[in-house]
């Protein structure tokens, strides 16, 4: 009996020591080799950089990347405005949305989400009064898209506009409303 207890105690000690060695981690923290004021935005965002490039070249590349991203968002804003104008024109001509125009509404929603992401905004439910019918919804969506385009063209890539964020959220909410009303009428 005593022998069994001794073996049990030895097994428990071996298992505990193995568990302790697995949970102990070194407390050393890795530090960057560059001081914080010399790091580029790309370093902060965790994008891999070629360490052989000079600092000014890496900075220039980060600026070019940011300008290209902004240029792409401006192209998306142009598409958003053009699509919303086409949807509004088509709805006013026929009095209803075709399947093709409904696909454009989905594309408008996707573009508005991309613009919202670029401006660092969050998607929230629009607090403005809901439209009472499809005509108002289409007109409000077209006006919001035009507001986004006007504001984005007037600003630089360094500015974040509350108008763009609010209008993007309004476009997304109106696109949801239009799709929901269209599905009810079918």
N, C-alpha and C. Protein backbone atom coordinates (compact mmCIF):
# COMPACT_ATOMS: atom_id res chain seq x y z
N UNK A 1 0.81 -1.18 0.00
CA UNK A 1 0.00 0.00 0.00
C UNK A 1 0.87 1.26 0.00
N UNK A 2 1.89 1.27 0.83
CA UNK A 2 2.80 2.41 0.91
C UNK A 2 3.56 2.58 -0.40
N UNK A 3 3.88 1.47 -1.03
CA UNK A 3 4.59 1.51 -2.30
C UNK A 3 3.74 2.16 -3.38
N UNK A 4 2.46 1.82 -3.38
CA UNK A 4 1.54 2.41 -4.36
C UNK A 4 1.42 3.91 -4.14
N UNK A 5 1.31 4.35 -2.92
CA UNK A 5 1.22 5.78 -2.62
C UNK A 5 2.50 6.50 -3.04
N UNK A 6 3.64 5.86 -2.84
CA UNK A 6 4.91 6.46 -3.26
C UNK A 6 4.96 6.64 -4.77
N UNK A 7 4.56 5.59 -5.51
CA UNK A 7 4.53 5.68 -6.97
C UNK A 7 3.54 6.74 -7.44
N UNK A 8 2.40 6.84 -6.80
CA UNK A 8 1.39 7.84 -7.15
C UNK A 8 1.94 9.25 -6.92
N UNK A 9 2.63 9.45 -5.79
CA UNK A 9 3.21 10.75 -5.48
C UNK A 9 4.28 11.12 -6.50
N UNK A 10 5.11 10.15 -6.91
CA UNK A 10 6.15 10.41 -7.90
C UNK A 10 5.52 10.78 -9.24
N UNK A 11 4.48 10.08 -9.65
CA UNK A 11 3.81 10.38 -10.93
C UNK A 11 3.19 11.77 -10.92
N UNK A 12 2.57 12.14 -9.81
CA UNK A 12 1.95 13.47 -9.69
C UNK A 12 3.02 14.55 -9.78
N UNK A 13 4.15 14.38 -9.10
CA UNK A 13 5.23 15.36 -9.14
C UNK A 13 5.81 15.49 -10.55
N UNK A 14 5.98 14.39 -11.26
CA UNK A 14 6.51 14.43 -12.62
C UNK A 14 5.54 15.18 -13.53
N UNK A 15 4.25 14.88 -13.42
CA UNK A 15 3.24 15.55 -14.26
C UNK A 15 3.17 17.04 -13.94
N UNK A 16 3.23 17.39 -12.67
CA UNK A 16 3.16 18.81 -12.28
C UNK A 16 4.37 19.57 -12.79
N UNK A 17 5.54 18.98 -12.69
CA UNK A 17 6.74 19.68 -13.16
C UNK A 17 6.70 19.86 -14.67
N UNK A 18 6.16 18.89 -15.39
CA UNK A 18 6.04 19.03 -16.85
C UNK A 18 5.06 20.13 -17.20
N UNK A 19 3.97 20.23 -16.45
CA UNK A 19 2.97 21.27 -16.70
C UNK A 19 3.53 22.64 -16.39
N UNK A 20 4.30 22.77 -15.34
CA UNK A 20 4.87 24.06 -14.95
C UNK A 20 5.87 24.53 -16.00
N UNK A 21 6.69 23.64 -16.52
CA UNK A 21 7.68 24.05 -17.52
C UNK A 21 7.02 24.47 -18.82
N UNK A 22 5.85 23.96 -19.11
CA UNK A 22 5.15 24.35 -20.33
C UNK A 22 4.50 25.72 -20.19
N UNK A 23 4.11 26.12 -19.00
CA UNK A 23 3.42 27.39 -18.81
C UNK A 23 4.35 28.55 -18.57
N UNK A 24 5.58 28.32 -18.20
CA UNK A 24 6.51 29.42 -17.95
C UNK A 24 7.02 29.92 -19.30
N UNK A 25 6.83 31.23 -19.52
CA UNK A 25 7.30 31.85 -20.76
C UNK A 25 8.32 32.92 -20.42
N UNK A 26 9.24 33.16 -21.29
CA UNK A 26 10.23 34.21 -21.02
C UNK A 26 9.54 35.57 -21.02
N UNK A 27 9.99 36.46 -20.18
CA UNK A 27 9.35 37.76 -20.04
C UNK A 27 10.08 38.84 -20.81
N UNK A 28 10.91 38.48 -21.73
CA UNK A 28 11.62 39.47 -22.51
C UNK A 28 10.71 39.93 -23.65
N UNK A 29 10.68 41.23 -23.89
CA UNK A 29 9.89 41.77 -24.98
C UNK A 29 10.82 42.18 -26.11
N UNK A 30 10.38 41.92 -27.30
CA UNK A 30 11.18 42.31 -28.45
C UNK A 30 10.96 43.79 -28.70
N UNK A 31 12.02 44.49 -28.92
CA UNK A 31 11.93 45.92 -29.17
C UNK A 31 12.32 46.19 -30.61
N UNK A 32 11.73 47.23 -31.15
CA UNK A 32 12.10 47.61 -32.51
C UNK A 32 13.48 48.24 -32.49
N UNK A 33 14.18 48.12 -33.58
CA UNK A 33 15.53 48.67 -33.66
C UNK A 33 15.49 50.16 -33.92
N UNK A 34 14.39 50.66 -34.49
CA UNK A 34 14.28 52.08 -34.78
C UNK A 34 13.53 52.78 -33.66
N UNK A 35 13.91 54.02 -33.36
CA UNK A 35 13.13 54.77 -32.38
C UNK A 35 11.73 55.05 -32.94
N UNK A 36 10.72 55.28 -32.08
CA UNK A 36 9.35 55.44 -32.55
C UNK A 36 9.16 56.58 -33.55
N UNK A 37 9.93 57.65 -33.45
CA UNK A 37 9.74 58.77 -34.35
C UNK A 37 10.26 58.50 -35.76
N UNK A 38 10.99 57.43 -35.97
CA UNK A 38 11.54 57.12 -37.28
C UNK A 38 10.74 56.06 -38.01
N UNK A 39 9.73 55.48 -37.37
CA UNK A 39 8.94 54.43 -38.01
C UNK A 39 7.94 55.06 -38.96
N UNK A 40 7.70 54.40 -40.07
CA UNK A 40 6.73 54.88 -41.06
C UNK A 40 5.36 54.32 -40.74
N UNK A 41 4.30 54.91 -41.34
CA UNK A 41 2.96 54.36 -41.13
C UNK A 41 2.86 52.90 -41.53
N UNK A 42 3.59 52.49 -42.56
CA UNK A 42 3.55 51.08 -42.99
C UNK A 42 4.10 50.17 -41.90
N UNK A 43 5.13 50.64 -41.16
CA UNK A 43 5.66 49.85 -40.05
C UNK A 43 4.62 49.68 -38.96
N UNK A 44 3.88 50.74 -38.71
CA UNK A 44 2.87 50.68 -37.67
C UNK A 44 1.71 49.79 -38.07
N UNK A 45 1.39 49.70 -39.34
CA UNK A 45 0.27 48.89 -39.82
C UNK A 45 0.65 47.43 -39.97
N UNK A 46 1.90 47.10 -39.79
CA UNK A 46 2.32 45.71 -39.82
C UNK A 46 2.57 45.19 -41.22
N UNK A 47 2.71 46.07 -42.21
CA UNK A 47 3.00 45.61 -43.56
C UNK A 47 4.49 45.31 -43.66
N UNK A 48 4.83 44.22 -44.31
CA UNK A 48 6.24 43.88 -44.43
C UNK A 48 6.99 44.91 -45.29
N UNK A 49 8.15 45.27 -44.88
CA UNK A 49 8.96 46.24 -45.59
C UNK A 49 10.32 45.64 -45.87
N UNK A 50 10.91 46.07 -46.95
CA UNK A 50 12.27 45.64 -47.27
C UNK A 50 13.22 46.50 -46.44
N UNK A 51 13.89 45.89 -45.51
CA UNK A 51 14.75 46.65 -44.61
C UNK A 51 15.98 47.21 -45.32
N UNK A 52 16.23 46.76 -46.52
CA UNK A 52 17.40 47.27 -47.25
C UNK A 52 17.11 48.64 -47.87
N UNK A 53 15.84 49.03 -47.97
CA UNK A 53 15.49 50.32 -48.57
C UNK A 53 15.75 51.45 -47.58
N UNK A 54 16.18 52.60 -48.08
CA UNK A 54 16.37 53.75 -47.19
C UNK A 54 15.01 54.24 -46.64
N UNK A 55 15.08 54.94 -45.52
CA UNK A 55 13.86 55.42 -44.88
C UNK A 55 13.04 56.34 -45.78
N UNK A 56 13.70 57.24 -46.50
CA UNK A 56 12.95 58.17 -47.34
C UNK A 56 12.25 57.44 -48.48
N UNK A 57 12.85 56.38 -49.00
CA UNK A 57 12.21 55.63 -50.07
C UNK A 57 10.99 54.86 -49.54
N UNK A 58 11.13 54.29 -48.34
CA UNK A 58 9.99 53.58 -47.73
C UNK A 58 8.85 54.55 -47.45
N UNK A 59 9.19 55.74 -46.99
CA UNK A 59 8.17 56.76 -46.72
C UNK A 59 7.49 57.17 -48.02
N UNK A 60 8.28 57.38 -49.06
CA UNK A 60 7.72 57.75 -50.37
C UNK A 60 6.79 56.65 -50.89
N UNK A 61 7.18 55.39 -50.70
CA UNK A 61 6.33 54.29 -51.15
C UNK A 61 5.02 54.24 -50.36
N UNK A 62 5.08 54.52 -49.06
CA UNK A 62 3.87 54.54 -48.24
C UNK A 62 2.94 55.67 -48.68
N UNK A 63 3.51 56.82 -49.01
CA UNK A 63 2.70 57.95 -49.48
C UNK A 63 2.06 57.61 -50.82
N UNK A 64 2.81 57.01 -51.73
CA UNK A 64 2.25 56.62 -53.03
C UNK A 64 1.12 55.60 -52.86
N UNK A 65 1.30 54.65 -51.95
CA UNK A 65 0.26 53.66 -51.69
C UNK A 65 -1.01 54.34 -51.18
N UNK A 66 -0.85 55.28 -50.26
CA UNK A 66 -2.01 55.98 -49.70
C UNK A 66 -2.70 56.83 -50.77
N UNK A 67 -1.91 57.47 -51.64
CA UNK A 67 -2.51 58.26 -52.72
C UNK A 67 -3.25 57.37 -53.71
N UNK A 68 -2.70 56.20 -54.02
CA UNK A 68 -3.39 55.27 -54.92
C UNK A 68 -4.69 54.77 -54.31
N UNK A 69 -4.67 54.48 -53.01
CA UNK A 69 -5.89 54.06 -52.33
C UNK A 69 -6.96 55.16 -52.40
N UNK A 70 -6.53 56.39 -52.17
CA UNK A 70 -7.47 57.52 -52.22
C UNK A 70 -8.02 57.70 -53.64
N UNK A 71 -7.15 57.54 -54.63
CA UNK A 71 -7.59 57.66 -56.02
C UNK A 71 -8.64 56.59 -56.35
N UNK A 72 -8.43 55.37 -55.85
CA UNK A 72 -9.40 54.28 -56.08
C UNK A 72 -10.73 54.59 -55.42
N UNK A 73 -10.69 55.19 -54.23
CA UNK A 73 -11.93 55.54 -53.54
C UNK A 73 -12.66 56.63 -54.32
N UNK A 74 -11.92 57.59 -54.87
CA UNK A 74 -12.56 58.63 -55.69
C UNK A 74 -13.22 58.02 -56.93
N UNK A 75 -12.58 57.00 -57.52
CA UNK A 75 -13.21 56.30 -58.64
C UNK A 75 -14.48 55.59 -58.20
N UNK A 76 -14.44 54.98 -57.02
CA UNK A 76 -15.64 54.32 -56.49
C UNK A 76 -16.76 55.33 -56.22
N UNK A 77 -16.39 56.52 -55.75
CA UNK A 77 -17.38 57.56 -55.50
C UNK A 77 -18.02 57.99 -56.83
N UNK A 78 -17.22 58.11 -57.89
CA UNK A 78 -17.77 58.44 -59.20
C UNK A 78 -18.74 57.35 -59.67
N UNK A 79 -18.36 56.09 -59.50
CA UNK A 79 -19.25 54.97 -59.87
C UNK A 79 -20.53 55.01 -59.05
N UNK A 80 -20.39 55.27 -57.76
CA UNK A 80 -21.54 55.35 -56.86
C UNK A 80 -22.52 56.41 -57.32
N UNK A 81 -22.00 57.58 -57.64
CA UNK A 81 -22.85 58.67 -58.09
C UNK A 81 -23.50 58.36 -59.44
N UNK A 82 -22.73 57.80 -60.36
CA UNK A 82 -23.28 57.48 -61.68
C UNK A 82 -24.36 56.40 -61.58
N UNK A 83 -24.11 55.36 -60.79
CA UNK A 83 -25.10 54.30 -60.64
C UNK A 83 -26.38 54.80 -59.98
N UNK A 84 -26.25 55.64 -58.96
CA UNK A 84 -27.45 56.15 -58.31
C UNK A 84 -28.25 57.06 -59.24
N UNK A 85 -27.56 57.81 -60.10
CA UNK A 85 -28.26 58.63 -61.09
C UNK A 85 -29.00 57.75 -62.10
N UNK A 86 -28.34 56.67 -62.54
CA UNK A 86 -28.98 55.75 -63.47
C UNK A 86 -30.21 55.09 -62.86
N UNK A 87 -30.11 54.68 -61.59
CA UNK A 87 -31.24 54.05 -60.92
C UNK A 87 -32.39 55.05 -60.78
N UNK A 88 -32.07 56.28 -60.40
CA UNK A 88 -33.12 57.30 -60.25
C UNK A 88 -33.78 57.60 -61.59
N UNK A 89 -32.98 57.74 -62.63
CA UNK A 89 -33.52 58.02 -63.97
C UNK A 89 -34.41 56.87 -64.44
N UNK A 90 -33.93 55.64 -64.27
CA UNK A 90 -34.70 54.47 -64.69
C UNK A 90 -35.99 54.33 -63.90
N UNK A 91 -35.94 54.60 -62.60
CA UNK A 91 -37.16 54.49 -61.79
C UNK A 91 -38.18 55.56 -62.19
N UNK A 92 -37.72 56.77 -62.43
CA UNK A 92 -38.65 57.85 -62.80
C UNK A 92 -39.22 57.64 -64.20
N UNK A 93 -38.48 57.00 -65.09
CA UNK A 93 -38.98 56.72 -66.44
C UNK A 93 -40.06 55.65 -66.43
N UNK A 94 -39.85 54.56 -65.67
CA UNK A 94 -40.77 53.42 -65.69
C UNK A 94 -41.71 53.35 -64.50
N UNK A 95 -41.37 54.02 -63.41
CA UNK A 95 -42.20 53.96 -62.22
C UNK A 95 -41.94 52.74 -61.35
N UNK A 96 -40.97 51.94 -61.71
CA UNK A 96 -40.58 50.78 -60.91
C UNK A 96 -39.13 50.44 -61.23
N UNK A 97 -38.55 49.56 -60.42
CA UNK A 97 -37.16 49.15 -60.63
C UNK A 97 -37.12 47.83 -61.38
N UNK A 98 -36.27 47.78 -62.38
CA UNK A 98 -36.06 46.52 -63.10
C UNK A 98 -35.07 45.67 -62.31
N UNK A 99 -34.90 44.44 -62.73
CA UNK A 99 -33.93 43.56 -62.06
C UNK A 99 -32.51 44.10 -62.20
N UNK A 100 -32.22 44.67 -63.36
CA UNK A 100 -30.89 45.26 -63.59
C UNK A 100 -30.64 46.43 -62.64
N UNK A 101 -31.66 47.26 -62.43
CA UNK A 101 -31.51 48.39 -61.52
C UNK A 101 -31.40 47.93 -60.07
N UNK A 102 -32.06 46.83 -59.74
CA UNK A 102 -31.93 46.28 -58.39
C UNK A 102 -30.50 45.78 -58.15
N UNK A 103 -29.86 45.22 -59.19
CA UNK A 103 -28.46 44.82 -59.08
C UNK A 103 -27.57 46.06 -58.88
N UNK A 104 -27.94 47.15 -59.54
CA UNK A 104 -27.19 48.40 -59.37
C UNK A 104 -27.34 48.93 -57.95
N UNK A 105 -28.51 48.76 -57.35
CA UNK A 105 -28.71 49.18 -55.96
C UNK A 105 -27.78 48.38 -55.04
N UNK A 106 -27.64 47.10 -55.31
CA UNK A 106 -26.70 46.28 -54.51
C UNK A 106 -25.26 46.75 -54.72
N UNK A 107 -24.92 47.12 -55.95
CA UNK A 107 -23.57 47.64 -56.22
C UNK A 107 -23.37 48.99 -55.52
N UNK A 108 -24.40 49.81 -55.50
CA UNK A 108 -24.34 51.10 -54.80
C UNK A 108 -24.08 50.87 -53.32
N UNK A 109 -24.76 49.92 -52.73
CA UNK A 109 -24.58 49.60 -51.32
C UNK A 109 -23.13 49.15 -51.05
N UNK A 110 -22.61 48.30 -51.92
CA UNK A 110 -21.23 47.81 -51.75
C UNK A 110 -20.23 48.95 -51.86
N UNK A 111 -20.43 49.84 -52.84
CA UNK A 111 -19.52 50.98 -53.00
C UNK A 111 -19.60 51.92 -51.80
N UNK A 112 -20.81 52.14 -51.29
CA UNK A 112 -20.97 53.01 -50.11
C UNK A 112 -20.26 52.41 -48.90
N UNK A 113 -20.30 51.09 -48.76
CA UNK A 113 -19.58 50.44 -47.66
C UNK A 113 -18.08 50.60 -47.82
N UNK A 114 -17.59 50.54 -49.07
CA UNK A 114 -16.16 50.72 -49.31
C UNK A 114 -15.73 52.14 -48.96
N UNK A 115 -16.53 53.13 -49.36
CA UNK A 115 -16.23 54.52 -49.03
C UNK A 115 -16.25 54.71 -47.52
N UNK A 116 -17.23 54.12 -46.87
CA UNK A 116 -17.35 54.23 -45.41
C UNK A 116 -16.12 53.62 -44.73
N UNK A 117 -15.65 52.49 -45.21
CA UNK A 117 -14.46 51.86 -44.65
C UNK A 117 -13.23 52.74 -44.85
N UNK A 118 -13.12 53.34 -46.03
CA UNK A 118 -11.97 54.19 -46.32
C UNK A 118 -11.95 55.43 -45.42
N UNK A 119 -13.12 55.97 -45.10
CA UNK A 119 -13.18 57.16 -44.26
C UNK A 119 -13.15 56.81 -42.78
N UNK A 120 -12.93 55.53 -42.47
CA UNK A 120 -12.81 55.04 -41.09
C UNK A 120 -14.11 55.19 -40.31
N UNK A 121 -15.23 55.15 -41.01
CA UNK A 121 -16.53 55.24 -40.36
C UNK A 121 -17.08 53.86 -40.07
N UNK A 122 -18.04 53.81 -39.18
CA UNK A 122 -18.71 52.57 -38.84
C UNK A 122 -20.10 52.56 -39.46
N UNK A 123 -20.54 51.38 -39.84
CA UNK A 123 -21.88 51.25 -40.40
C UNK A 123 -22.88 51.25 -39.26
N UNK A 124 -23.74 52.26 -39.25
CA UNK A 124 -24.78 52.38 -38.24
C UNK A 124 -26.11 52.65 -38.94
N UNK A 125 -27.18 52.40 -38.23
CA UNK A 125 -28.51 52.66 -38.78
C UNK A 125 -28.70 54.17 -38.89
N UNK A 126 -29.18 54.61 -40.05
CA UNK A 126 -29.40 56.03 -40.28
C UNK A 126 -30.56 56.51 -39.42
N UNK A 127 -30.37 57.64 -38.72
CA UNK A 127 -31.39 58.16 -37.80
C UNK A 127 -32.36 59.11 -38.48
N UNK A 128 -32.14 59.46 -39.73
CA UNK A 128 -33.05 60.37 -40.42
C UNK A 128 -34.38 59.67 -40.67
N UNK A 129 -35.44 60.45 -40.88
CA UNK A 129 -36.76 59.85 -41.09
C UNK A 129 -36.76 58.92 -42.32
N UNK A 130 -37.45 57.81 -42.16
CA UNK A 130 -37.53 56.84 -43.26
C UNK A 130 -38.42 57.40 -44.36
N UNK A 131 -38.08 57.09 -45.61
CA UNK A 131 -38.94 57.53 -46.71
C UNK A 131 -40.27 56.79 -46.66
N UNK A 132 -41.30 57.46 -47.14
CA UNK A 132 -42.63 56.84 -47.08
C UNK A 132 -42.92 55.97 -48.30
N UNK A 133 -42.18 56.20 -49.37
CA UNK A 133 -42.40 55.38 -50.57
C UNK A 133 -41.10 55.22 -51.34
N UNK A 134 -41.18 54.44 -52.40
CA UNK A 134 -39.99 54.13 -53.20
C UNK A 134 -39.43 55.37 -53.89
N UNK A 135 -40.29 56.25 -54.36
CA UNK A 135 -39.82 57.46 -55.05
C UNK A 135 -38.95 58.31 -54.14
N UNK A 136 -39.40 58.53 -52.91
CA UNK A 136 -38.60 59.30 -51.96
C UNK A 136 -37.28 58.61 -51.66
N UNK A 137 -37.31 57.30 -51.52
CA UNK A 137 -36.08 56.55 -51.21
C UNK A 137 -35.07 56.69 -52.34
N UNK A 138 -35.51 56.54 -53.57
CA UNK A 138 -34.61 56.65 -54.72
C UNK A 138 -34.04 58.05 -54.81
N UNK A 139 -34.90 59.08 -54.60
CA UNK A 139 -34.43 60.46 -54.67
C UNK A 139 -33.45 60.78 -53.54
N UNK A 140 -33.74 60.30 -52.34
CA UNK A 140 -32.83 60.53 -51.21
C UNK A 140 -31.49 59.83 -51.42
N UNK A 141 -31.52 58.62 -51.98
CA UNK A 141 -30.28 57.89 -52.23
C UNK A 141 -29.45 58.63 -53.28
N UNK A 142 -30.11 59.14 -54.30
CA UNK A 142 -29.40 59.89 -55.35
C UNK A 142 -28.79 61.17 -54.76
N UNK A 143 -29.53 61.87 -53.91
CA UNK A 143 -29.02 63.09 -53.29
C UNK A 143 -27.86 62.79 -52.35
N UNK A 144 -27.94 61.71 -51.59
CA UNK A 144 -26.85 61.35 -50.68
C UNK A 144 -25.60 60.97 -51.46
N UNK A 145 -25.77 60.25 -52.57
CA UNK A 145 -24.62 59.88 -53.40
C UNK A 145 -23.97 61.12 -54.01
N UNK A 146 -24.79 62.07 -54.42
CA UNK A 146 -24.25 63.33 -54.97
C UNK A 146 -23.51 64.10 -53.88
N UNK A 147 -24.02 64.06 -52.66
CA UNK A 147 -23.36 64.74 -51.54
C UNK A 147 -22.00 64.10 -51.25
N UNK A 148 -21.94 62.78 -51.30
CA UNK A 148 -20.66 62.08 -51.09
C UNK A 148 -19.65 62.51 -52.15
N UNK A 149 -20.09 62.52 -53.41
CA UNK A 149 -19.19 62.88 -54.51
C UNK A 149 -18.69 64.31 -54.35
N UNK A 150 -19.59 65.24 -54.06
CA UNK A 150 -19.22 66.65 -53.93
C UNK A 150 -18.22 66.84 -52.79
N UNK A 151 -18.47 66.19 -51.66
CA UNK A 151 -17.59 66.36 -50.50
C UNK A 151 -16.24 65.69 -50.73
N UNK A 152 -16.22 64.49 -51.28
CA UNK A 152 -14.95 63.78 -51.50
C UNK A 152 -14.08 64.50 -52.52
N UNK A 153 -14.68 65.09 -53.54
CA UNK A 153 -13.88 65.81 -54.53
C UNK A 153 -13.30 67.09 -53.97
N UNK A 154 -13.95 67.67 -52.96
CA UNK A 154 -13.48 68.92 -52.38
C UNK A 154 -12.41 68.71 -51.32
N UNK A 155 -12.26 67.49 -50.82
CA UNK A 155 -11.33 67.23 -49.73
C UNK A 155 -10.08 66.51 -50.21
N UNK A 156 -9.06 66.58 -49.38
CA UNK A 156 -7.84 65.83 -49.65
C UNK A 156 -7.92 64.49 -48.95
N UNK A 157 -6.92 63.65 -49.16
CA UNK A 157 -6.93 62.34 -48.53
C UNK A 157 -6.64 62.41 -47.03
N UNK A 158 -6.23 63.57 -46.54
CA UNK A 158 -5.91 63.74 -45.13
C UNK A 158 -7.14 64.10 -44.29
N UNK A 159 -8.24 64.41 -44.95
CA UNK A 159 -9.42 64.85 -44.23
C UNK A 159 -10.43 63.71 -44.10
N UNK A 160 -11.08 63.67 -42.97
CA UNK A 160 -12.16 62.72 -42.74
C UNK A 160 -13.41 63.57 -42.52
N UNK A 161 -14.41 63.33 -43.33
CA UNK A 161 -15.60 64.16 -43.29
C UNK A 161 -16.76 63.42 -42.64
N UNK A 162 -17.39 64.08 -41.68
CA UNK A 162 -18.58 63.51 -41.05
C UNK A 162 -19.73 63.45 -42.05
N UNK A 163 -19.74 64.37 -43.01
CA UNK A 163 -20.79 64.38 -44.04
C UNK A 163 -20.69 63.12 -44.90
N UNK A 164 -19.47 62.74 -45.26
CA UNK A 164 -19.28 61.54 -46.08
C UNK A 164 -19.70 60.29 -45.30
N UNK A 165 -19.35 60.23 -44.04
CA UNK A 165 -19.72 59.08 -43.21
C UNK A 165 -21.24 59.00 -43.07
N UNK A 166 -21.88 60.13 -42.75
CA UNK A 166 -23.34 60.15 -42.58
C UNK A 166 -24.04 59.83 -43.90
N UNK A 167 -23.56 60.39 -45.00
CA UNK A 167 -24.19 60.14 -46.29
C UNK A 167 -24.00 58.69 -46.73
N UNK A 168 -22.84 58.13 -46.45
CA UNK A 168 -22.60 56.72 -46.79
C UNK A 168 -23.55 55.81 -46.01
N UNK A 169 -23.72 56.11 -44.73
CA UNK A 169 -24.67 55.34 -43.93
C UNK A 169 -26.10 55.51 -44.45
N UNK A 170 -26.43 56.71 -44.89
CA UNK A 170 -27.77 56.96 -45.44
C UNK A 170 -27.97 56.16 -46.73
N UNK A 171 -26.98 56.13 -47.59
CA UNK A 171 -27.07 55.37 -48.84
C UNK A 171 -27.27 53.88 -48.53
N UNK A 172 -26.51 53.36 -47.58
CA UNK A 172 -26.62 51.94 -47.22
C UNK A 172 -28.02 51.63 -46.68
N UNK A 173 -28.52 52.48 -45.79
CA UNK A 173 -29.85 52.28 -45.21
C UNK A 173 -30.93 52.37 -46.29
N UNK A 174 -30.80 53.34 -47.20
CA UNK A 174 -31.78 53.49 -48.27
C UNK A 174 -31.72 52.32 -49.25
N UNK A 175 -30.54 51.80 -49.51
CA UNK A 175 -30.42 50.64 -50.39
C UNK A 175 -31.13 49.43 -49.76
N UNK A 176 -30.97 49.26 -48.45
CA UNK A 176 -31.68 48.18 -47.75
C UNK A 176 -33.19 48.38 -47.87
N UNK A 177 -33.64 49.63 -47.67
CA UNK A 177 -35.06 49.94 -47.75
C UNK A 177 -35.61 49.65 -49.15
N UNK A 178 -34.88 50.08 -50.17
CA UNK A 178 -35.33 49.88 -51.56
C UNK A 178 -35.43 48.39 -51.88
N UNK A 179 -34.43 47.62 -51.48
CA UNK A 179 -34.47 46.18 -51.75
C UNK A 179 -35.62 45.51 -50.99
N UNK A 180 -35.85 45.95 -49.74
CA UNK A 180 -36.93 45.37 -48.95
C UNK A 180 -38.30 45.69 -49.56
N UNK A 181 -38.51 46.94 -49.98
CA UNK A 181 -39.79 47.34 -50.59
C UNK A 181 -39.98 46.64 -51.93
N UNK A 182 -38.89 46.53 -52.69
CA UNK A 182 -38.99 45.86 -54.00
C UNK A 182 -39.37 44.39 -53.84
N UNK A 183 -38.79 43.74 -52.83
CA UNK A 183 -39.11 42.31 -52.59
C UNK A 183 -40.55 42.13 -52.13
N UNK A 184 -41.11 43.12 -51.41
CA UNK A 184 -42.50 43.02 -50.97
C UNK A 184 -43.47 43.16 -52.13
N UNK A 185 -43.11 43.98 -53.13
CA UNK A 185 -44.02 44.22 -54.26
C UNK A 185 -43.98 43.08 -55.25
N UNK A 186 -42.94 42.25 -55.23
CA UNK A 186 -42.87 41.13 -56.18
C UNK A 186 -43.76 39.99 -55.79
